[in-house]
Amino acid sequence: MTTDSTHTNIRTATPADSATILELIKALADFEQLPPPDPEAQQRLISHAFGEHPRFEIFLAEVEGVVAGYAFIFETYSTFLARPSLYLEDLFVLKEYRGSKVGYDLFRFCVAEAQKRECGRMEWTVLDWNTHAQKFYRRMGARHIEEWQPYRLTREQFGEILV
C-alpha cells in the first residue's frame, strides 16, 4: 500500500528485517521508558515472528526506502460476533517521522487488514500517560472501552496458580 500523504510504503516484514525490527523495538522501549527485550527474548521474538508457525505478523512502514515504523498484529476471536478480531499489539513510529502521517497510514493499513480478514473488530491498548496516542485514536473514531478492564497474569505467576 502506498499513500499520497507521505509516500509511505507498507509491507510485510521478512526475516531479513530482523535487525531493523529489533532496533525499532528498542526505540519503542526507550520511548516508553521500559527496558528493551534481553538477547534471549529478542531471539525468541524473531523465532515467533518468522518460524514455522508464526504467532504474529509485522508490517513495516517505509518512507523513501527507510523504515519509519511498524505494527505488530495477531488475531483473537469473538465468540459473540463469531468473527476474528484483529489485535494491534504495537504501532510505533520513529520520532523523526511523527507528524508526517506515517502513523496514520500504518493505522489505516491495519484497519484495511481487519476489513479484508472480515474481522468483527480491532482492538489495542494505550498506556495511560500516552495522551498523544489517545487523541490520535479518538480522532480516528475509536472509543475507550470503560466497561471492560484489562487484567494480566505474568509468566512468573503461572506456577503459583498451577501448584
Protein backbone atom coordinates (compact mmCIF):
# COMPACT_ATOMS: atom_id res chain seq x y z
CA MET A 1 0.00 0.00 0.00
CA THR A 2 1.34 3.43 -0.88
CA THR A 3 -0.32 6.65 0.24
CA ASP A 4 -0.10 10.14 -1.17
CA SER A 5 0.33 11.88 2.19
CA THR A 6 3.96 10.90 2.82
CA HIS A 7 4.67 8.36 0.13
CA THR A 8 4.53 5.73 2.86
CA ASN A 9 5.00 2.19 1.63
CA ILE A 10 3.73 -0.51 3.99
CA ARG A 11 4.92 -4.05 3.56
CA THR A 12 5.06 -7.35 5.41
CA ALA A 13 8.32 -7.83 7.30
CA THR A 14 10.64 -10.68 6.33
CA PRO A 15 13.41 -12.46 8.25
CA ALA A 16 15.88 -10.11 6.52
CA ASP A 17 14.26 -7.27 8.51
CA SER A 18 15.07 -8.85 11.89
CA ALA A 19 17.82 -6.41 12.93
CA THR A 20 15.67 -3.43 11.92
CA ILE A 21 12.69 -4.78 13.84
CA LEU A 22 14.77 -5.23 16.98
CA GLU A 23 16.11 -1.67 16.66
CA LEU A 24 12.55 -0.36 16.37
CA ILE A 25 11.50 -2.33 19.45
CA LYS A 26 14.44 -0.85 21.36
CA ALA A 27 13.33 2.62 20.24
CA LEU A 28 9.80 1.86 21.48
CA ALA A 29 11.19 0.68 24.83
CA ASP A 30 13.16 3.92 25.09
CA PHE A 31 10.03 5.95 24.27
CA GLU A 32 8.02 4.07 26.90
CA GLN A 33 10.91 4.25 29.39
CA LEU A 34 10.98 0.47 29.70
CA PRO A 35 13.87 -1.97 29.47
CA PRO A 36 14.18 -3.47 25.98
CA PRO A 37 13.93 -7.23 25.46
CA ASP A 38 17.08 -9.04 26.55
CA PRO A 39 19.05 -11.04 23.94
CA GLU A 40 17.17 -14.26 24.72
CA ALA A 41 13.80 -12.52 24.33
CA GLN A 42 14.97 -10.90 21.09
CA GLN A 43 15.89 -14.31 19.70
CA ARG A 44 12.51 -15.72 20.76
CA LEU A 45 10.68 -12.79 19.21
CA ILE A 46 12.32 -13.30 15.82
CA SER A 47 11.65 -17.04 16.03
CA HIS A 48 7.99 -16.40 16.88
CA ALA A 49 7.68 -13.92 14.01
CA PHE A 50 9.29 -15.98 11.28
CA GLY A 51 9.22 -19.59 12.48
CA GLU A 52 7.24 -22.47 11.03
CA HIS A 53 4.05 -21.30 12.81
CA PRO A 54 4.28 -17.50 13.20
CA ARG A 55 2.49 -16.20 16.27
CA PHE A 56 2.02 -12.66 14.94
CA GLU A 57 2.62 -10.54 11.86
CA ILE A 58 4.75 -7.45 11.44
CA PHE A 59 4.15 -4.67 8.93
CA LEU A 60 6.84 -2.09 8.25
CA ALA A 61 6.19 1.47 7.11
CA GLU A 62 8.85 2.88 4.81
CA VAL A 63 9.41 6.44 3.66
CA GLU A 64 11.75 6.79 0.69
CA GLY A 65 13.03 3.27 1.35
CA VAL A 66 13.80 3.89 5.03
CA VAL A 67 11.83 2.00 7.72
CA ALA A 68 10.00 4.63 9.77
CA GLY A 69 7.69 2.49 11.91
CA TYR A 70 5.97 -0.82 12.43
CA ALA A 71 2.80 -2.55 13.51
CA PHE A 72 2.56 -5.95 15.22
CA ILE A 73 -0.81 -7.68 14.81
CA PHE A 74 -2.40 -11.02 15.56
CA GLU A 75 -5.91 -12.41 15.56
CA THR A 76 -8.07 -13.23 18.55
CA TYR A 77 -11.64 -14.45 18.31
CA SER A 78 -15.01 -13.12 19.44
CA THR A 79 -17.46 -15.89 20.26
CA PHE A 80 -20.38 -13.46 20.39
CA LEU A 81 -19.60 -11.96 16.98
CA ALA A 82 -18.45 -15.31 15.60
CA ARG A 83 -15.66 -13.44 13.85
CA PRO A 84 -11.96 -12.91 14.37
CA SER A 85 -10.72 -9.71 15.98
CA LEU A 86 -7.54 -8.02 14.84
CA TYR A 87 -5.38 -7.17 17.84
CA LEU A 88 -2.86 -4.38 17.38
CA GLU A 89 -0.07 -5.18 19.83
CA ASP A 90 2.24 -2.32 18.83
CA LEU A 91 2.08 0.61 16.47
CA PHE A 92 5.26 2.66 16.65
CA VAL A 93 6.76 5.41 14.52
CA LEU A 94 10.27 6.76 14.95
CA LYS A 95 10.39 10.28 16.39
CA GLU A 96 11.70 11.90 13.20
CA TYR A 97 8.67 10.62 11.25
CA ARG A 98 5.95 11.54 13.74
CA GLY A 99 3.59 14.20 12.49
CA SER A 100 4.14 13.21 8.86
CA LYS A 101 1.16 10.83 8.70
CA VAL A 102 3.23 7.63 8.84
CA GLY A 103 1.29 6.50 11.93
CA TYR A 104 -1.97 7.43 10.24
CA ASP A 105 -1.04 5.41 7.16
CA LEU A 106 0.06 2.44 9.25
CA PHE A 107 -3.12 2.52 11.33
CA ARG A 108 -5.33 2.74 8.24
CA PHE A 109 -3.41 -0.19 6.76
CA CYS A 110 -4.25 -2.25 9.88
CA VAL A 111 -7.93 -1.23 9.65
CA ALA A 112 -7.95 -2.31 5.99
CA GLU A 113 -6.33 -5.60 7.02
CA ALA A 114 -9.07 -6.16 9.62
CA GLN A 115 -11.71 -5.46 6.99
CA LYS A 116 -10.02 -7.79 4.47
CA ARG A 117 -9.98 -10.58 7.08
CA GLU A 118 -13.66 -9.99 7.86
CA CYS A 119 -12.88 -9.19 11.47
CA GLY A 120 -15.70 -8.10 13.73
CA ARG A 121 -13.47 -5.55 15.46
CA MET A 122 -9.97 -4.29 16.00
CA GLU A 123 -8.60 -3.74 19.50
CA TRP A 124 -5.47 -2.43 21.20
CA THR A 125 -4.38 -0.82 24.45
CA VAL A 126 -2.77 2.55 25.10
CA LEU A 127 -0.66 3.49 28.10
CA ASP A 128 -2.50 5.90 30.40
CA TRP A 129 0.20 8.59 30.09
CA ASN A 130 0.33 8.50 26.28
CA THR A 131 -2.21 11.25 25.68
CA HIS A 132 -0.86 11.92 22.18
CA ALA A 133 -1.77 8.38 21.10
CA GLN A 134 -5.12 8.59 22.89
CA LYS A 135 -6.00 11.78 20.99
CA PHE A 136 -4.88 10.19 17.70
CA TYR A 137 -7.10 7.14 18.20
CA ARG A 138 -10.09 9.29 19.20
CA ARG A 139 -9.59 11.35 16.01
CA MET A 140 -9.70 8.07 14.09
CA GLY A 141 -13.10 7.33 15.65
CA ALA A 142 -12.01 4.79 18.28
CA ARG A 143 -13.51 4.89 21.73
CA HIS A 144 -12.08 3.95 25.09
CA ILE A 145 -13.91 0.88 26.41
CA GLU A 146 -14.67 1.66 30.02
CA GLU A 147 -16.88 -1.35 30.72
CA TRP A 148 -14.00 -3.79 30.10
CA GLN A 149 -10.93 -3.64 32.29
CA PRO A 150 -7.72 -5.36 31.26
CA TYR A 151 -6.23 -7.93 33.61
CA ARG A 152 -2.96 -9.79 33.33
CA LEU A 153 -1.14 -12.77 34.76
CA THR A 154 2.60 -12.88 34.23
CA ARG A 155 4.60 -15.97 33.41
CA GLU A 156 6.06 -15.85 36.92
CA GLN A 157 2.54 -16.17 38.38
CA PHE A 158 1.59 -19.24 36.33
CA GLY A 159 3.42 -21.56 38.72
CA GLU A 160 1.66 -20.08 41.75
CA ILE A 161 -1.71 -20.89 40.24
CA LEU A 162 -0.77 -24.34 38.99
CA VAL A 163 0.62 -25.58 42.33
